[in-house]
Every structure is written in structure tokens, then in C-alpha cells.
Amino acid sequence: MKAFFDDRQQSHDPKYFIANGKLLPNPEVPARVNILKAGAEAAGCIFSAPSDNGLGPIAAIHTSEYITFLRNIHARWQRIDEASDEVIPNIHPVSRNDGYPLSAVGQAGYHQADTACPIAARTYDAAYWSAQTAISASDAICAGADVAYALSRPPGHHAFSDLAGGFCFFNNSAIAAQRLLNNGLRPAILDVDVHHGNGTQGIFYNRADVLTVSIHADPARFYPFFWGHSAERGLGPGLGANLNLPLSRGSDDQAFVKVLDKAIERIINFGSNAIVVALGLDAHVDDPFKGLAITTSGFAQIGTAIAATGLPLVLVQEGGYVSPVLGDNLTAFLTSI
């Protein structure tokens, strides 16, 4: 199986995030890469470095204003007296239509949705190469490959077009889908991360050319809270092109595979001829976030069901945090494809 990764993705090394009012060690650490890469290689993946396709494919999804912010904010932040080492916002606009401030503090609040996406000196570089990894995987599909795996880190599915959030900066899955679309395919994004892909939904919510489907822990009491509910179907031209399938906390393999059948049915009826799988592995029962209770064999069942569509697959790594079975979960999924 073709696979892509660039070592520069490890240069983003966030130390903290704020959850429940507490400063905690950040779980989105470079060590994830070593575990995931070993798990992919155990499944037969052969890694190549991604090509540098420039900012064009990223700017097809993200605003130039946001890209400028990501490139410059850490250096600007360090000019603030007694600033923290990492950019973490402390104020947010009430509306996206509120004024756009000149200050670094104000722009951080505008472009960072929460306190779980700290920006350090090398965050932009890592996010850039994470996106290039997803782009190269899409290009492999366009060149005739059946499956390509993008070990994208940092992850991306909580990033909106102009907003970071939840460990995410560039939306790799959205960028991959847009790349497929630009090459004449009709993609669907299937997100199996334990958290709803709110950024992905937001990017395509008013569009009819990319189907977005997400299976996740019910956001009524789980991050990202404000998005991912079943009534969210899209707006305007996008009405009916978004499907959320929330599961009760602690749902097991059987419950997940049951709703996966609904997701696949919608993908087939959309007329998709390629799928971007936003491959979160944090639905596992032993993942630190404890949202769902999928087993290692459950990930194999999920992979088998997706592969049964017979459609080309771009597998973009999303969540899945350090645990003794993280690599095994990826191996189980990839060997089932």
C-alpha cells in the first residue's frame, strides 16, 4: 500500500492544552508518529516523502488571511511582554462577523476556536507538510492507486477554513477531497474519528459537490459540543450533503458497524467514485479520550466494510492517541482494506 509521511511533521511539539480549566500535558505529541508509522509498516505500507505542491491546494480550502495568521502569529506573539511560549487564546469574538483586530491577542482569539490548538515556533511547518502528505495521497489515487495512506500529523478535521481547533490547523481531509474533486472525481469524506469532524462539515456545509459523513460520540456531552448533531444536514446547495451519525458514549463494535452501513449507503447514493476516510483511531476503548468502546478487531471490521465499496480510498490520519494498542489498531484497519 502506498503511504506518505514527512519527518518535518514531528517538529510541532505542543507542551500543553487547557481542558476543564486546567493546564494539562498535550496528548497530540510527536511520539504518535513513531507508533503509527510502525503500525502502518506492519500492515505492509511502504512510505514515500510527499511532494511539495505549494500553497495552492491548501488555499483552495483555507483563506489567505488565515494562512497569513498561521505563518506569522508565533513570532508576533513572542514580541508581547511576558508572553507564553505557545499561542493560546484568551478571548473570542461572539460572531465571525465581529471586527477583525490588529493585535496578536485578538487575532489568536479570532482564528483559534479553543485552547486545544496551541501554536509553537514550528507548528506552521508541521501543518504544511501534514497537508502535503494528504495531497500526495490524493494524487496517488488520481494516478490509479486503489488505496493510499497519509500519515498526516498534526491532524486536521477540527480546522475550519479560517479557524484552528482541537489539535488541528489545516484540514487535511478536506484538502485531500478538494484535490480529488479538482481532478474530476466525486469524493465523499467518511469521518470515523471519535470526535465529530466539525471543521470538515463547516467547510463543505453549503456545497453539494462533496458529501460529508461523520460517525462519532454524541456531542451533546462530548467535544466539539456545538456541531455533529443528527439534524445538521447542510444549507442551501449543500442541503442533504451532510450526514451525522452520533453514537451514545461507550458504544461498541456492533453499534458502530450498524451505523456504518447507513454511512456507506449514503456514499453510494451520492454517486461517489472515491472516498476520503478521516481515519481517527481514538474511538478505541483504551484511547485516553474514552468516547466509544471500539476494539482492535472492530477496526478491522470497519476497514472491511469500507473496502467492500470497491471505491478508491484516501486514508488520512486524524486522531488516535498514545496507548499500548494504537499501532495495533492501525495495523488491523489497514490489513483489512
Protein backbone atom coordinates (compact mmCIF):
# COMPACT_ATOMS: atom_id res chain seq x y z
CA MET A 1 0.00 0.00 0.00
CA LYS A 2 1.29 3.45 -0.91
CA ALA A 3 1.91 5.63 2.14
CA PHE A 4 3.25 9.15 2.67
CA PHE A 5 4.95 10.94 5.54
CA ASP A 6 7.46 13.75 6.06
CA ASP A 7 9.70 13.96 9.14
CA ARG A 8 9.06 17.70 9.42
CA GLN A 9 5.61 16.83 10.76
CA GLN A 10 7.28 15.91 14.05
CA SER A 11 8.59 19.45 14.58
CA HIS A 12 5.24 20.54 16.08
CA ASP A 13 5.70 19.59 19.73
CA PRO A 14 2.97 21.24 21.83
CA LYS A 15 3.52 21.06 25.56
CA TYR A 16 0.13 21.92 26.99
CA PHE A 17 -3.54 22.48 26.37
CA ILE A 18 -6.29 23.71 28.66
CA ALA A 19 -9.19 21.40 29.46
CA ASN A 20 -11.78 21.79 32.21
CA GLY A 21 -9.92 24.90 33.31
CA LYS A 22 -6.68 23.01 33.93
CA LEU A 23 -3.33 23.23 32.16
CA LEU A 24 -2.62 19.65 31.06
CA PRO A 25 0.07 17.87 29.02
CA ASN A 26 -0.90 17.93 25.34
CA PRO A 27 -1.72 14.40 24.05
CA GLU A 28 -1.06 15.30 20.40
CA VAL A 29 2.66 14.57 20.67
CA PRO A 30 5.32 13.63 18.09
CA ALA A 31 5.56 10.15 19.64
CA ARG A 32 2.26 9.35 17.92
CA VAL A 33 4.12 9.35 14.62
CA ASN A 34 6.54 6.59 15.59
CA ILE A 35 3.73 4.36 16.81
CA LEU A 36 1.53 4.94 13.79
CA LYS A 37 4.36 4.55 11.30
CA ALA A 38 5.35 1.21 12.84
CA GLY A 39 1.71 0.09 12.76
CA ALA A 40 1.39 1.02 9.09
CA GLU A 41 4.64 -0.72 8.16
CA ALA A 42 3.43 -3.85 9.95
CA ALA A 43 0.44 -3.76 7.58
CA GLY A 44 2.76 -3.61 4.55
CA CYS A 45 2.85 0.14 3.91
CA ILE A 46 5.88 1.47 2.08
CA PHE A 47 6.42 5.13 2.90
CA SER A 48 7.48 7.85 0.50
CA ALA A 49 8.07 11.52 1.12
CA PRO A 50 5.26 13.75 -0.13
CA SER A 51 5.77 16.15 -2.99
CA ASP A 52 5.74 19.87 -2.29
CA ASN A 53 2.69 21.13 -4.17
CA GLY A 54 2.88 24.61 -2.70
CA LEU A 55 0.15 26.61 -1.01
CA GLY A 56 -2.37 26.40 -3.86
CA PRO A 57 -4.12 23.20 -2.73
CA ILE A 58 -4.17 24.45 0.88
CA ALA A 59 -5.52 27.86 -0.14
CA ALA A 60 -8.28 26.09 -2.07
CA ILE A 61 -9.71 25.28 1.38
CA HIS A 62 -8.23 27.88 3.77
CA THR A 63 -8.40 31.65 3.47
CA SER A 64 -5.24 33.61 2.74
CA GLU A 65 -5.96 35.67 5.86
CA TYR A 66 -5.84 32.51 7.98
CA ILE A 67 -2.70 31.19 6.29
CA THR A 68 -1.01 34.54 6.96
CA PHE A 69 -2.05 34.29 10.60
CA LEU A 70 -0.63 30.75 10.99
CA ARG A 71 2.66 31.68 9.35
CA ASN A 72 3.28 34.77 11.47
CA ILE A 73 1.44 34.53 14.77
CA HIS A 74 4.11 32.81 16.85
CA ALA A 75 6.78 35.38 16.02
CA ARG A 76 4.31 38.19 16.70
CA TRP A 77 3.23 36.58 19.99
CA GLN A 78 6.80 36.45 21.23
CA ARG A 79 7.01 40.24 20.99
CA ILE A 80 4.36 40.54 23.72
CA ASP A 81 5.82 41.21 27.18
CA GLU A 82 5.83 38.02 29.27
CA ALA A 83 4.08 36.05 26.53
CA SER A 84 3.74 32.29 26.85
CA ASP A 85 5.93 30.04 24.69
CA GLU A 86 2.86 28.83 22.80
CA VAL A 87 -0.02 30.85 21.38
CA ILE A 88 -3.19 30.07 23.32
CA PRO A 89 -6.17 32.44 23.02
CA ASN A 90 -7.92 34.01 25.97
CA ILE A 91 -10.70 35.92 24.20
CA HIS A 92 -13.03 35.05 21.31
CA PRO A 93 -15.46 37.04 19.17
CA VAL A 94 -19.15 36.46 19.75
CA SER A 95 -19.66 36.18 15.98
CA ARG A 96 -17.48 35.58 12.92
CA ASN A 97 -18.91 38.88 11.67
CA ASP A 98 -17.42 40.85 14.57
CA GLY A 99 -14.49 43.18 13.94
CA TYR A 100 -11.07 41.84 12.94
CA PRO A 101 -8.47 43.27 15.36
CA LEU A 102 -4.88 44.21 14.59
CA SER A 103 -3.46 42.75 17.81
CA ALA A 104 -1.91 39.29 18.01
CA VAL A 105 -4.04 38.50 21.05
CA GLY A 106 -7.24 39.43 19.26
CA GLN A 107 -6.34 37.56 16.08
CA ALA A 108 -5.46 34.46 18.11
CA GLY A 109 -8.96 34.53 19.55
CA TYR A 110 -10.44 35.02 16.10
CA HIS A 111 -8.51 32.18 14.43
CA GLN A 112 -8.28 29.63 17.28
CA ALA A 113 -11.57 28.10 18.31
CA ASP A 114 -10.42 26.73 21.65
CA THR A 115 -7.46 26.21 23.97
CA ALA A 116 -6.55 22.83 22.46
CA CYS A 117 -4.64 24.13 19.42
CA PRO A 118 -1.52 25.84 20.82
CA ILE A 119 0.77 27.29 18.16
CA ALA A 120 4.53 26.96 18.66
CA ALA A 121 7.52 28.01 16.57
CA ARG A 122 7.32 25.06 14.17
CA THR A 123 3.57 24.48 14.08
CA TYR A 124 3.07 26.04 10.66
CA ASP A 125 5.85 23.95 9.09
CA ALA A 126 4.45 20.73 10.53
CA ALA A 127 0.90 21.57 9.45
CA TYR A 128 2.13 22.48 5.95
CA TRP A 129 3.81 19.11 5.49
CA SER A 130 0.88 17.30 7.04
CA ALA A 131 -1.30 18.83 4.33
CA GLN A 132 1.24 17.97 1.60
CA THR A 133 1.13 14.38 2.82
CA ALA A 134 -2.64 14.24 2.28
CA ILE A 135 -2.29 15.93 -1.12
CA SER A 136 0.25 13.33 -2.25
CA ALA A 137 -2.04 10.51 -1.15
CA SER A 138 -4.86 12.01 -3.23
CA ASP A 139 -2.52 12.36 -6.19
CA ALA A 140 -1.65 8.67 -5.89
CA ILE A 141 -5.35 7.83 -6.23
CA CYS A 142 -5.67 10.13 -9.22
CA ALA A 143 -2.71 8.29 -10.77
CA GLY A 144 -4.50 4.95 -10.44
CA ALA A 145 -3.76 3.59 -6.96
CA ASP A 146 -6.62 1.82 -5.17
CA VAL A 147 -5.60 2.89 -1.66
CA ALA A 148 -3.15 5.43 -0.28
CA TYR A 149 -2.42 6.21 3.38
CA ALA A 150 -1.44 9.70 4.55
CA LEU A 151 0.23 9.75 7.94
CA SER A 152 -0.85 13.34 8.49
CA ARG A 153 0.20 14.90 11.77
CA PRO A 154 -0.93 17.27 13.19
CA PRO A 155 -4.45 16.10 12.36
CA GLY A 156 -6.95 18.32 10.59
CA HIS A 157 -10.67 17.60 10.85
CA HIS A 158 -11.44 20.26 13.51
CA ALA A 159 -9.93 23.04 11.36
CA PHE A 160 -12.40 25.28 9.52
CA SER A 161 -11.44 27.42 6.54
CA ASP A 162 -10.16 30.21 8.82
CA LEU A 163 -10.11 28.62 12.25
CA ALA A 164 -7.87 26.16 14.11
CA GLY A 165 -9.23 23.94 16.85
CA GLY A 166 -8.87 20.63 18.65
CA PHE A 167 -5.16 20.00 17.80
CA CYS A 168 -5.89 20.85 14.12
CA PHE A 169 -4.57 23.63 11.86
CA PHE A 170 -5.01 22.70 8.19
CA ASN A 171 -7.92 20.41 7.33
CA ASN A 172 -6.04 17.60 5.63
CA SER A 173 -9.12 15.53 4.80
CA ALA A 174 -10.88 18.49 3.20
CA ILE A 175 -7.75 19.39 1.25
CA ALA A 176 -7.49 15.79 0.02
CA ALA A 177 -11.14 15.75 -1.07
CA GLN A 178 -10.79 19.07 -2.92
CA ARG A 179 -7.74 17.67 -4.71
CA LEU A 180 -9.78 14.67 -5.88
CA LEU A 181 -12.61 16.95 -6.98
CA ASN A 182 -10.22 19.14 -8.96
CA ASN A 183 -9.07 16.01 -10.79
CA GLY A 184 -12.57 15.07 -11.92
CA LEU A 185 -13.63 12.71 -9.13
CA ARG A 186 -16.75 12.94 -6.96
CA PRO A 187 -15.50 12.41 -3.42
CA ALA A 188 -17.16 11.66 -0.13
CA ILE A 189 -15.47 12.19 3.21
CA LEU A 190 -16.18 9.46 5.77
CA ASP A 191 -15.00 10.50 9.24
CA VAL A 192 -14.66 7.67 11.78
CA ASP A 193 -12.83 9.65 14.46
CA VAL A 194 -14.42 9.57 17.94
CA HIS A 195 -14.92 13.35 17.67
CA HIS A 196 -17.17 14.92 15.07
CA GLY A 197 -15.27 16.49 12.17
CA ASN A 198 -16.77 19.92 12.74
CA GLY A 199 -14.23 21.77 10.62
CA THR A 200 -14.81 19.46 7.67
CA GLN A 201 -18.56 19.88 8.00
CA GLY A 202 -18.20 23.65 8.17
CA ILE A 203 -16.03 23.82 5.06
CA PHE A 204 -18.50 21.91 2.86
CA TYR A 205 -21.80 22.72 4.60
CA ASN A 206 -23.06 24.96 1.80
CA ARG A 207 -21.71 22.81 -1.00
CA ALA A 208 -23.24 19.95 -2.97
CA ASP A 209 -20.08 18.64 -4.65
CA VAL A 210 -18.54 16.85 -1.63
CA LEU A 211 -20.52 14.60 0.69
CA THR A 212 -19.51 14.73 4.36
CA VAL A 213 -20.42 11.85 6.68
CA SER A 214 -19.30 11.52 10.31
CA ILE A 215 -19.72 8.73 12.87
CA HIS A 216 -18.75 9.93 16.35
CA ALA A 217 -19.60 10.09 20.03
CA ASP A 218 -22.74 12.13 20.66
CA PRO A 219 -21.63 15.77 21.00
CA ALA A 220 -24.42 16.59 23.47
CA ARG A 221 -21.85 15.81 26.20
CA PHE A 222 -18.63 15.37 24.20
CA TYR A 223 -16.25 17.59 22.19
CA PRO A 224 -16.89 19.51 19.94
CA PHE A 225 -20.31 20.00 21.62
CA PHE A 226 -21.80 22.56 19.19
CA TRP A 227 -21.60 20.53 15.99
CA GLY A 228 -22.22 16.93 14.97
CA HIS A 229 -25.90 16.57 15.80
CA SER A 230 -28.11 14.47 13.55
CA ALA A 231 -30.31 17.41 12.49
CA GLU A 232 -27.36 19.09 10.71
CA ARG A 233 -27.97 18.25 7.05
CA GLY A 234 -26.28 21.13 5.18
CA LEU A 235 -27.51 24.52 3.98
CA GLY A 236 -28.53 25.94 0.62
CA PRO A 237 -26.95 23.92 -2.19
CA GLY A 238 -25.45 21.63 0.46
CA LEU A 239 -28.77 20.57 1.98
CA GLY A 240 -28.71 16.78 2.19
CA ALA A 241 -24.96 16.56 1.55
CA ASN A 242 -24.04 16.26 5.25
CA LEU A 243 -24.86 13.25 7.40
CA ASN A 244 -24.07 12.96 11.11
CA LEU A 245 -24.45 9.64 12.87
CA PRO A 246 -23.78 10.27 16.57
CA LEU A 247 -23.42 7.28 18.90
CA SER A 248 -24.03 7.06 22.63
CA ARG A 249 -20.93 7.25 24.80
CA GLY A 250 -19.39 3.80 25.21
CA SER A 251 -20.94 2.32 22.04
CA ASP A 252 -19.24 -0.87 20.91
CA ASP A 253 -18.21 -2.53 17.63
CA GLN A 254 -21.71 -3.76 16.82
CA ALA A 255 -23.28 -0.32 17.22
CA PHE A 256 -20.58 1.33 15.11
CA VAL A 257 -20.75 -1.16 12.25
CA LYS A 258 -24.55 -0.86 12.20
CA VAL A 259 -24.46 2.89 11.55
CA LEU A 260 -21.51 2.45 9.19
CA ASP A 261 -23.91 0.61 6.88
CA LYS A 262 -26.05 3.78 6.76
CA ALA A 263 -22.99 5.88 6.05
CA ILE A 264 -21.91 3.67 3.16
CA GLU A 265 -25.43 3.62 1.73
CA ARG A 266 -25.42 7.43 1.64
CA ILE A 267 -21.98 7.47 -0.02
CA ILE A 268 -23.14 5.07 -2.73
CA ASN A 269 -26.34 7.08 -3.32
CA PHE A 270 -24.30 10.29 -3.62
CA GLY A 271 -22.62 8.71 -6.64
CA SER A 272 -19.18 8.93 -5.09
CA ASN A 273 -16.33 7.37 -7.01
CA ALA A 274 -13.69 7.95 -4.30
CA ILE A 275 -13.71 8.15 -0.50
CA VAL A 276 -11.51 10.16 1.81
CA VAL A 277 -11.50 8.31 5.12
CA ALA A 278 -10.76 10.66 8.02
CA LEU A 279 -9.11 7.87 9.96
CA GLY A 280 -9.35 8.60 13.65
CA LEU A 281 -8.38 5.70 15.89
CA ASP A 282 -9.46 7.38 19.12
CA ALA A 283 -12.78 5.51 19.17
CA HIS A 284 -10.86 2.61 20.76
CA VAL A 285 -11.92 1.52 24.22
CA ASP A 286 -8.43 2.24 25.63
CA ASP A 287 -7.90 5.63 23.99
CA PRO A 288 -7.34 8.40 26.54
CA PHE A 289 -10.49 10.26 25.43
CA LYS A 290 -12.83 7.37 26.35
CA GLY A 291 -15.66 8.31 23.99
CA LEU A 292 -16.51 4.97 22.39
CA ALA A 293 -15.54 1.35 23.01
CA ILE A 294 -14.29 0.02 19.67
CA THR A 295 -11.89 -2.93 19.88
CA THR A 296 -8.88 -3.68 17.72
CA SER A 297 -10.88 -6.32 15.85
CA GLY A 298 -13.62 -3.72 15.49
CA PHE A 299 -11.27 -1.52 13.46
CA ALA A 300 -10.70 -4.49 11.17
CA GLN A 301 -14.48 -4.82 10.72
CA ILE A 302 -14.73 -1.11 9.91
CA GLY A 303 -11.96 -1.41 7.33
CA THR A 304 -13.56 -4.46 5.73
CA ALA A 305 -16.89 -2.68 5.37
CA ILE A 306 -15.30 0.39 3.78
CA ALA A 307 -13.19 -1.70 1.42
CA ALA A 308 -16.30 -3.59 0.30
CA THR A 309 -17.47 -0.44 -1.51
CA GLY A 310 -14.78 -1.14 -4.10
CA LEU A 311 -14.04 2.59 -4.33
CA PRO A 312 -10.56 4.13 -4.28
CA LEU A 313 -9.62 5.20 -0.76
CA VAL A 314 -7.51 8.07 0.54
CA LEU A 315 -6.85 7.27 4.20
CA VAL A 316 -5.96 10.45 6.09
CA GLN A 317 -4.78 10.03 9.66
CA GLU A 318 -6.77 12.03 12.20
CA GLY A 319 -6.93 11.24 15.94
CA GLY A 320 -5.74 8.28 17.95
CA TYR A 321 -3.56 8.99 20.95
CA VAL A 322 -0.77 7.20 22.74
CA SER A 323 -1.87 3.88 24.20
CA PRO A 324 -0.38 0.36 24.14
CA VAL A 325 -2.65 -0.63 21.22
CA LEU A 326 -2.57 2.45 18.99
CA GLY A 327 -0.25 0.85 16.45
CA ASP A 328 -2.18 -2.44 16.56
CA ASN A 329 -5.40 -0.59 15.78
CA LEU A 330 -3.90 0.95 12.67
CA THR A 331 -2.43 -2.37 11.57
CA ALA A 332 -5.83 -4.04 11.99
CA PHE A 333 -7.57 -1.39 9.93
CA LEU A 334 -5.02 -1.28 7.11
CA THR A 335 -4.70 -5.04 6.74
CA SER A 336 -8.49 -5.26 6.31
CA ILE A 337 -8.53 -2.87 3.34
